[in-house]
Amino acid sequence: MKTFNKHFQKQGLLAISFVCLFFVFNSSCSSSSEPPANEVFIQEMVFSPATLNVSVGTTVKWTNKDGVAHTVTSNTAGLFDSGSISANGVFSYMFMTAGTYSYICSIHPSMIGKIVVK
């Protein structure tokens, strides 16, 4: 009986170790809801972050994480317009002049964002 109990204690410790390793590995590899620097996520029908501060010469990347199409359309006519960005699609634009650039999703005009270039 003693050997039987020791065997199950070792098996239990091994199982607990694997579970702990799984959670450590999973938490370090899971995707964050926060976008990387110079990137805007389109998710849950908003631009996140709503305002992004960048330096002149920075390329900003928008990634659509929603299941529906969106656009990234400048409020300044003709400056930039992504066209329709499908789910998991991306759009990038390089900002070469300092200023504040407001934009919307032309499909969902309540979605607004701003890039501040210094």
Protein backbone atom coordinates (compact mmCIF):
# COMPACT_ATOMS: atom_id res chain seq x y z
CA MET A 1 0.00 0.00 0.00
CA LYS A 2 2.91 2.34 0.78
CA THR A 3 4.34 1.91 -2.72
CA PHE A 4 0.89 2.49 -4.20
CA ASN A 5 0.48 5.80 -2.33
CA LYS A 6 4.00 6.97 -3.29
CA HIS A 7 3.26 6.21 -6.95
CA PHE A 8 0.09 8.33 -6.91
CA GLN A 9 1.82 11.14 -4.99
CA LYS A 10 4.52 11.25 -7.68
CA GLN A 11 1.88 11.15 -10.43
CA GLY A 12 -0.03 13.97 -8.73
CA LEU A 13 3.07 16.13 -8.43
CA LEU A 14 3.88 15.47 -12.07
CA ALA A 15 0.36 16.43 -13.14
CA ILE A 16 0.46 19.62 -11.06
CA SER A 17 3.83 20.50 -12.59
CA PHE A 18 2.45 20.11 -16.11
CA VAL A 19 -0.59 22.24 -15.29
CA CYS A 20 1.64 24.98 -13.85
CA LEU A 21 3.91 24.90 -16.91
CA PHE A 22 0.86 25.09 -19.18
CA PHE A 23 -0.41 28.24 -17.47
CA VAL A 24 3.02 29.90 -17.46
CA PHE A 25 3.57 29.08 -21.14
CA ASN A 26 0.01 29.99 -22.13
CA SER A 27 0.08 33.36 -20.36
CA SER A 28 3.40 34.34 -21.92
CA CYS A 29 2.25 33.35 -25.42
CA SER A 30 -1.30 34.61 -25.34
CA SER A 31 -2.22 37.49 -27.56
CA SER A 32 -2.70 40.79 -25.89
CA SER A 33 -5.66 43.04 -26.47
CA GLU A 34 -3.21 45.95 -26.51
CA PRO A 35 -1.66 46.71 -29.88
CA PRO A 36 2.11 47.00 -30.34
CA ALA A 37 3.72 50.43 -30.72
CA ASN A 38 2.56 52.39 -33.78
CA GLU A 39 -0.38 50.05 -34.34
CA VAL A 40 -4.13 50.50 -33.96
CA PHE A 41 -6.44 47.55 -33.45
CA ILE A 42 -9.93 47.72 -34.91
CA GLN A 43 -11.92 45.62 -32.48
CA GLU A 44 -15.34 45.62 -30.88
CA MET A 45 -16.37 48.44 -33.25
CA VAL A 46 -13.73 50.93 -32.00
CA PHE A 47 -10.21 52.03 -32.89
CA SER A 48 -7.84 51.12 -30.07
CA PRO A 49 -6.15 53.29 -29.06
CA ALA A 50 -8.53 56.05 -30.11
CA THR A 51 -5.61 58.50 -30.15
CA LEU A 52 -2.09 57.47 -31.11
CA ASN A 53 0.96 59.74 -30.75
CA VAL A 54 3.81 59.13 -33.20
CA SER A 55 6.86 60.89 -34.62
CA VAL A 56 7.18 62.29 -38.15
CA GLY A 57 8.14 59.49 -40.55
CA THR A 58 6.28 56.78 -38.60
CA THR A 59 4.23 54.16 -40.40
CA VAL A 60 1.04 53.37 -38.51
CA LYS A 61 -0.58 49.98 -39.04
CA TRP A 62 -4.29 49.28 -38.48
CA THR A 63 -5.35 45.64 -37.98
CA ASN A 64 -9.01 44.64 -38.23
CA LYS A 65 -9.74 42.18 -35.43
CA ASP A 66 -13.51 42.34 -35.93
CA GLY A 67 -15.52 39.88 -37.98
CA VAL A 68 -16.89 42.64 -40.21
CA ALA A 69 -15.25 44.98 -42.70
CA HIS A 70 -14.10 48.47 -41.68
CA THR A 71 -12.26 51.39 -43.28
CA VAL A 72 -9.64 53.85 -42.10
CA THR A 73 -10.67 57.05 -43.83
CA SER A 74 -9.05 60.44 -43.20
CA ASN A 75 -11.33 63.37 -42.41
CA THR A 76 -9.03 65.36 -44.74
CA ALA A 77 -10.32 64.55 -48.22
CA GLY A 78 -7.90 62.49 -50.25
CA LEU A 79 -5.23 62.11 -47.56
CA PHE A 80 -5.67 58.40 -46.85
CA ASP A 81 -8.43 55.85 -47.30
CA SER A 82 -7.89 52.17 -46.73
CA GLY A 83 -10.90 51.01 -48.65
CA SER A 84 -12.66 48.01 -47.13
CA ILE A 85 -10.48 46.07 -44.68
CA SER A 86 -11.84 42.57 -44.14
CA ALA A 87 -11.45 40.53 -40.95
CA ASN A 88 -7.74 40.11 -40.08
CA GLY A 89 -6.83 42.57 -42.83
CA VAL A 90 -4.32 45.39 -42.37
CA PHE A 91 -3.76 48.91 -43.66
CA SER A 92 -0.63 51.03 -43.20
CA TYR A 93 0.10 54.70 -43.77
CA MET A 94 3.31 56.69 -43.24
CA PHE A 95 2.88 60.12 -41.63
CA MET A 96 5.47 62.53 -43.05
CA THR A 97 4.17 65.85 -41.68
CA ALA A 98 3.51 66.94 -38.09
CA GLY A 99 -0.12 67.54 -37.24
CA THR A 100 -3.29 65.95 -35.95
CA TYR A 101 -5.03 63.54 -38.31
CA SER A 102 -8.61 62.54 -37.50
CA TYR A 103 -10.18 59.57 -39.23
CA ILE A 104 -13.33 57.44 -39.22
CA CYS A 105 -14.63 54.13 -40.45
CA SER A 106 -16.76 55.22 -43.41
CA ILE A 107 -18.91 52.07 -42.99
CA HIS A 108 -19.50 52.80 -39.28
CA PRO A 109 -19.11 56.60 -38.89
CA SER A 110 -19.44 56.46 -35.10
CA MET A 111 -15.99 54.85 -35.08
CA ILE A 112 -13.47 57.68 -34.81
CA GLY A 113 -9.73 57.88 -34.23
CA LYS A 114 -6.88 60.33 -34.23
CA ILE A 115 -3.16 60.21 -35.03
CA VAL A 116 -1.04 62.98 -33.48
CA VAL A 117 2.27 63.39 -35.32
CA LYS A 118 5.07 65.40 -33.68
